[in-house]
Amino acid sequence: RRMSIDEWRRVIETNLNSVFYVTSKAVHSIEAGGGGHIVMLSSIIAEMGNPGLVNYGSTKAALIGFVKTAAQELIRQKIQVNAIAPGFIETDMIANLPGEARQQLLDKTPMRRFGTPEEVATMVRYLVTEGTYITGQVFNVNGGMYM
């Protein structure tokens, strides 16, 4: 209701269009190297929404569709495409939330803590080193949150 067209476009360009731009360039190098992996970061917001973030949530949900379609299109080139949808990760964004807002997020998280960037990186590492039979999937790294 209060989001400007500029705010909408800026997030679409950053979170969605950029994925197409980078992927379309990277595919050629990955294919020339005999195949490989593309891992994209979506968000728990793609599945649960969040007031005031219709632009962000829309791009992260669209990214899931992008991953599922790209996985089917690129598997013939031996390129596996997957996504990770992190929950609330201990980053500057979380650190800057007021105490009450932080607590509300923790209350929604069964593990009662925020994840770490290293925990997200562990999933990325798994997908690119051991995920030999995985493509077109979305992995939730979110401390057990459910929508």
C-alpha atoms as a PDB file:
ATOM      1  CA  ARG A   1       0.000   0.000   0.000  1.00  0.00           C
ATOM      2  CA  ARG A   2       2.815   2.404   0.814  1.00  0.00           C
ATOM      3  CA  MET A   3       5.516   0.969  -1.432  1.00  0.00           C
ATOM      4  CA  SER A   4       6.647   3.204  -4.252  1.00  0.00           C
ATOM      5  CA  ILE A   5       7.179   1.961  -7.775  1.00  0.00           C
ATOM      6  CA  ASP A   6      10.873   2.801  -7.356  1.00  0.00           C
ATOM      7  CA  GLU A   7      11.108   0.633  -4.220  1.00  0.00           C
ATOM      8  CA  TRP A   8       9.405  -2.225  -6.079  1.00  0.00           C
ATOM      9  CA  ARG A   9      11.658  -1.940  -9.131  1.00  0.00           C
ATOM     10  CA  ARG A  10      14.886  -1.607  -7.145  1.00  0.00           C
ATOM     11  CA  VAL A  11      14.305  -4.869  -5.261  1.00  0.00           C
ATOM     12  CA  ILE A  12      13.135  -6.700  -8.405  1.00  0.00           C
ATOM     13  CA  GLU A  13      16.281  -5.562 -10.216  1.00  0.00           C
ATOM     14  CA  THR A  14      18.574  -6.476  -7.323  1.00  0.00           C
ATOM     15  CA  ASN A  15      17.069  -9.786  -6.204  1.00  0.00           C
ATOM     16  CA  LEU A  16      15.586 -11.235  -9.382  1.00  0.00           C
ATOM     17  CA  ASN A  17      16.886  -9.653 -12.565  1.00  0.00           C
ATOM     18  CA  SER A  18      20.464  -9.895 -11.290  1.00  0.00           C
ATOM     19  CA  VAL A  19      20.026 -13.656 -10.897  1.00  0.00           C
ATOM     20  CA  PHE A  20      19.171 -13.949 -14.578  1.00  0.00           C
ATOM     21  CA  TYR A  21      22.050 -11.698 -15.633  1.00  0.00           C
ATOM     22  CA  VAL A  22      24.671 -13.577 -13.613  1.00  0.00           C
ATOM     23  CA  THR A  23      23.321 -17.053 -14.359  1.00  0.00           C
ATOM     24  CA  SER A  24      23.106 -16.453 -18.102  1.00  0.00           C
ATOM     25  CA  LYS A  25      26.799 -15.461 -18.133  1.00  0.00           C
ATOM     26  CA  ALA A  26      27.985 -18.174 -15.722  1.00  0.00           C
ATOM     27  CA  VAL A  27      26.278 -21.025 -17.572  1.00  0.00           C
ATOM     28  CA  HIS A  28      28.686 -20.786 -20.488  1.00  0.00           C
ATOM     29  CA  SER A  29      31.762 -21.064 -18.251  1.00  0.00           C
ATOM     30  CA  ILE A  30      30.274 -23.865 -16.174  1.00  0.00           C
ATOM     31  CA  GLU A  31      29.302 -25.801 -19.292  1.00  0.00           C
ATOM     32  CA  ALA A  32      32.759 -25.287 -20.829  1.00  0.00           C
ATOM     33  CA  GLY A  33      34.244 -26.721 -17.631  1.00  0.00           C
ATOM     34  CA  GLY A  34      32.222 -29.911 -17.991  1.00  0.00           C
ATOM     35  CA  GLY A  35      29.354 -29.007 -15.695  1.00  0.00           C
ATOM     36  CA  GLY A  36      28.932 -27.926 -12.110  1.00  0.00           C
ATOM     37  CA  HIS A  37      26.577 -26.376  -9.622  1.00  0.00           C
ATOM     38  CA  ILE A  38      24.612 -23.198  -9.163  1.00  0.00           C
ATOM     39  CA  VAL A  39      23.280 -22.530  -5.673  1.00  0.00           C
ATOM     40  CA  MET A  40      20.977 -19.572  -5.160  1.00  0.00           C
ATOM     41  CA  LEU A  41      19.757 -17.985  -1.957  1.00  0.00           C
ATOM     42  CA  SER A  42      16.038 -17.568  -1.522  1.00  0.00           C
ATOM     43  CA  SER A  43      14.495 -16.868   1.892  1.00  0.00           C
ATOM     44  CA  ILE A  44      11.974 -18.177   4.361  1.00  0.00           C
ATOM     45  CA  ILE A  45      10.020 -15.024   3.456  1.00  0.00           C
ATOM     46  CA  ALA A  46       9.297 -16.629   0.053  1.00  0.00           C
ATOM     47  CA  GLU A  47       7.107 -19.171   1.822  1.00  0.00           C
ATOM     48  CA  MET A  48       5.735 -17.304   4.839  1.00  0.00           C
ATOM     49  CA  GLY A  49       5.572 -13.692   3.682  1.00  0.00           C
ATOM     50  CA  ASN A  50       6.279 -10.679   5.860  1.00  0.00           C
ATOM     51  CA  PRO A  51       4.348  -7.408   6.142  1.00  0.00           C
ATOM     52  CA  GLY A  52       6.010  -4.536   4.320  1.00  0.00           C
ATOM     53  CA  LEU A  53       8.191  -6.813   2.205  1.00  0.00           C
ATOM     54  CA  VAL A  54       5.968  -7.695  -0.739  1.00  0.00           C
ATOM     55  CA  ASN A  55       8.791  -6.803  -3.147  1.00  0.00           C
ATOM     56  CA  TYR A  56      11.385  -8.896  -1.283  1.00  0.00           C
ATOM     57  CA  GLY A  57       9.068 -11.871  -0.722  1.00  0.00           C
ATOM     58  CA  SER A  58       7.960 -11.827  -4.347  1.00  0.00           C
ATOM     59  CA  THR A  59      11.519 -11.933  -5.640  1.00  0.00           C
ATOM     60  CA  LYS A  60      12.530 -14.755  -3.314  1.00  0.00           C
ATOM     61  CA  ALA A  61       9.461 -16.785  -4.327  1.00  0.00           C
ATOM     62  CA  ALA A  62      10.168 -16.124  -8.009  1.00  0.00           C
ATOM     63  CA  LEU A  63      13.730 -17.300  -7.436  1.00  0.00           C
ATOM     64  CA  ILE A  64      12.368 -20.710  -6.409  1.00  0.00           C
ATOM     65  CA  GLY A  65      10.527 -20.940  -9.744  1.00  0.00           C
ATOM     66  CA  PHE A  66      13.710 -19.859 -11.503  1.00  0.00           C
ATOM     67  CA  VAL A  67      15.696 -22.626  -9.774  1.00  0.00           C
ATOM     68  CA  LYS A  68      13.181 -25.347 -10.581  1.00  0.00           C
ATOM     69  CA  THR A  69      12.979 -24.343 -14.240  1.00  0.00           C
ATOM     70  CA  ALA A  70      16.711 -23.710 -14.698  1.00  0.00           C
ATOM     71  CA  ALA A  71      17.455 -27.100 -13.140  1.00  0.00           C
ATOM     72  CA  GLN A  72      15.387 -28.800 -15.839  1.00  0.00           C
ATOM     73  CA  GLU A  73      16.848 -26.684 -18.620  1.00  0.00           C
ATOM     74  CA  LEU A  74      20.497 -27.030 -17.579  1.00  0.00           C
ATOM     75  CA  ILE A  75      20.790 -30.652 -16.489  1.00  0.00           C
ATOM     76  CA  ARG A  76      21.657 -31.689 -20.070  1.00  0.00           C
ATOM     77  CA  GLN A  77      24.716 -29.453 -19.725  1.00  0.00           C
ATOM     78  CA  LYS A  78      25.540 -31.259 -16.450  1.00  0.00           C
ATOM     79  CA  ILE A  79      24.666 -28.180 -14.405  1.00  0.00           C
ATOM     80  CA  GLN A  80      22.750 -28.741 -11.189  1.00  0.00           C
ATOM     81  CA  VAL A  81      20.725 -25.826  -9.830  1.00  0.00           C
ATOM     82  CA  ASN A  82      19.421 -25.651  -6.273  1.00  0.00           C
ATOM     83  CA  ALA A  83      18.373 -23.055  -3.731  1.00  0.00           C
ATOM     84  CA  ILE A  84      18.731 -22.503  -0.035  1.00  0.00           C
ATOM     85  CA  ALA A  85      15.969 -20.673   1.827  1.00  0.00           C
ATOM     86  CA  PRO A  86      17.545 -19.457   5.061  1.00  0.00           C
ATOM     87  CA  GLY A  87      15.480 -18.532   8.054  1.00  0.00           C
ATOM     88  CA  PHE A  88      16.663 -15.754  10.310  1.00  0.00           C
ATOM     89  CA  ILE A  89      20.459 -15.682  10.255  1.00  0.00           C
ATOM     90  CA  GLU A  90      22.642 -13.739  12.677  1.00  0.00           C
ATOM     91  CA  THR A  91      23.658 -10.884  10.388  1.00  0.00           C
ATOM     92  CA  ASP A  92      23.795  -7.104  10.702  1.00  0.00           C
ATOM     93  CA  MET A  93      20.092  -6.989   9.802  1.00  0.00           C
ATOM     94  CA  ILE A  94      19.177  -9.192  12.773  1.00  0.00           C
ATOM     95  CA  ALA A  95      21.674  -7.484  15.073  1.00  0.00           C
ATOM     96  CA  ASN A  96      20.018  -4.118  14.398  1.00  0.00           C
ATOM     97  CA  LEU A  97      16.497  -5.266  15.282  1.00  0.00           C
ATOM     98  CA  PRO A  98      15.011  -3.953  18.517  1.00  0.00           C
ATOM     99  CA  GLY A  99      14.957  -6.494  21.356  1.00  0.00           C
ATOM    100  CA  GLU A 100      11.220  -7.148  21.117  1.00  0.00           C
ATOM    101  CA  ALA A 101      11.386  -7.851  17.382  1.00  0.00           C
ATOM    102  CA  ARG A 102      14.364 -10.194  17.883  1.00  0.00           C
ATOM    103  CA  GLN A 103      12.447 -12.061  20.566  1.00  0.00           C
ATOM    104  CA  GLN A 104       9.387 -12.452  18.345  1.00  0.00           C
ATOM    105  CA  LEU A 105      11.556 -14.073  15.670  1.00  0.00           C
ATOM    106  CA  LEU A 106      13.205 -16.355  18.222  1.00  0.00           C
ATOM    107  CA  ASP A 107       9.770 -17.371  19.515  1.00  0.00           C
ATOM    108  CA  LYS A 108       8.874 -18.542  15.987  1.00  0.00           C
ATOM    109  CA  THR A 109      12.058 -20.606  15.724  1.00  0.00           C
ATOM    110  CA  PRO A 110      11.861 -24.050  17.382  1.00  0.00           C
ATOM    111  CA  MET A 111      15.652 -24.152  17.924  1.00  0.00           C
ATOM    112  CA  ARG A 112      15.305 -20.831  19.850  1.00  0.00           C
ATOM    113  CA  ARG A 113      18.335 -19.276  18.221  1.00  0.00           C
ATOM    114  CA  PHE A 114      19.285 -17.568  14.986  1.00  0.00           C
ATOM    115  CA  GLY A 115      21.299 -19.448  12.430  1.00  0.00           C
ATOM    116  CA  THR A 116      24.810 -18.506  11.445  1.00  0.00           C
ATOM    117  CA  PRO A 117      26.237 -17.674   8.039  1.00  0.00           C
ATOM    118  CA  GLU A 118      28.484 -20.719   8.496  1.00  0.00           C
ATOM    119  CA  GLU A 119      25.434 -22.984   8.764  1.00  0.00           C
ATOM    120  CA  VAL A 120      24.136 -21.680   5.442  1.00  0.00           C
ATOM    121  CA  ALA A 121      27.610 -22.104   3.939  1.00  0.00           C
ATOM    122  CA  THR A 122      27.675 -25.717   5.130  1.00  0.00           C
ATOM    123  CA  MET A 123      24.592 -26.437   3.018  1.00  0.00           C
ATOM    124  CA  VAL A 124      26.150 -24.703   0.005  1.00  0.00           C
ATOM    125  CA  ARG A 125      29.304 -26.774   0.447  1.00  0.00           C
ATOM    126  CA  TYR A 126      27.277 -29.984   0.684  1.00  0.00           C
ATOM    127  CA  LEU A 127      25.362 -29.215  -2.487  1.00  0.00           C
ATOM    128  CA  VAL A 128      28.474 -28.462  -4.542  1.00  0.00           C
ATOM    129  CA  THR A 129      30.690 -31.244  -3.205  1.00  0.00           C
ATOM    130  CA  GLU A 130      28.385 -34.149  -2.338  1.00  0.00           C
ATOM    131  CA  GLY A 131      25.012 -33.337  -3.871  1.00  0.00           C
ATOM    132  CA  THR A 132      25.635 -35.385  -6.991  1.00  0.00           C
ATOM    133  CA  TYR A 133      21.993 -36.475  -7.406  1.00  0.00           C
ATOM    134  CA  ILE A 134      20.252 -33.275  -6.335  1.00  0.00           C
ATOM    135  CA  THR A 135      18.850 -30.614  -8.635  1.00  0.00           C
ATOM    136  CA  GLY A 136      15.840 -28.308  -8.665  1.00  0.00           C
ATOM    137  CA  GLN A 137      15.431 -28.412  -4.889  1.00  0.00           C
ATOM    138  CA  VAL A 138      15.008 -25.830  -2.144  1.00  0.00           C
ATOM    139  CA  PHE A 139      16.644 -26.499   1.214  1.00  0.00           C
ATOM    140  CA  ASN A 140      15.327 -24.724   4.287  1.00  0.00           C
ATOM    141  CA  VAL A 141      18.055 -23.810   6.765  1.00  0.00           C
ATOM    142  CA  ASN A 142      15.799 -22.240   9.343  1.00  0.00           C
ATOM    143  CA  GLY A 143      16.021 -23.827  12.773  1.00  0.00           C
ATOM    144  CA  GLY A 144      12.803 -25.785  12.274  1.00  0.00           C
ATOM    145  CA  MET A 145      10.550 -22.868  11.382  1.00  0.00           C
ATOM    146  CA  TYR A 146       7.341 -23.794   9.676  1.00  0.00           C
ATOM    147  CA  MET A 147       5.006 -21.592   7.805  1.00  0.00           C
END
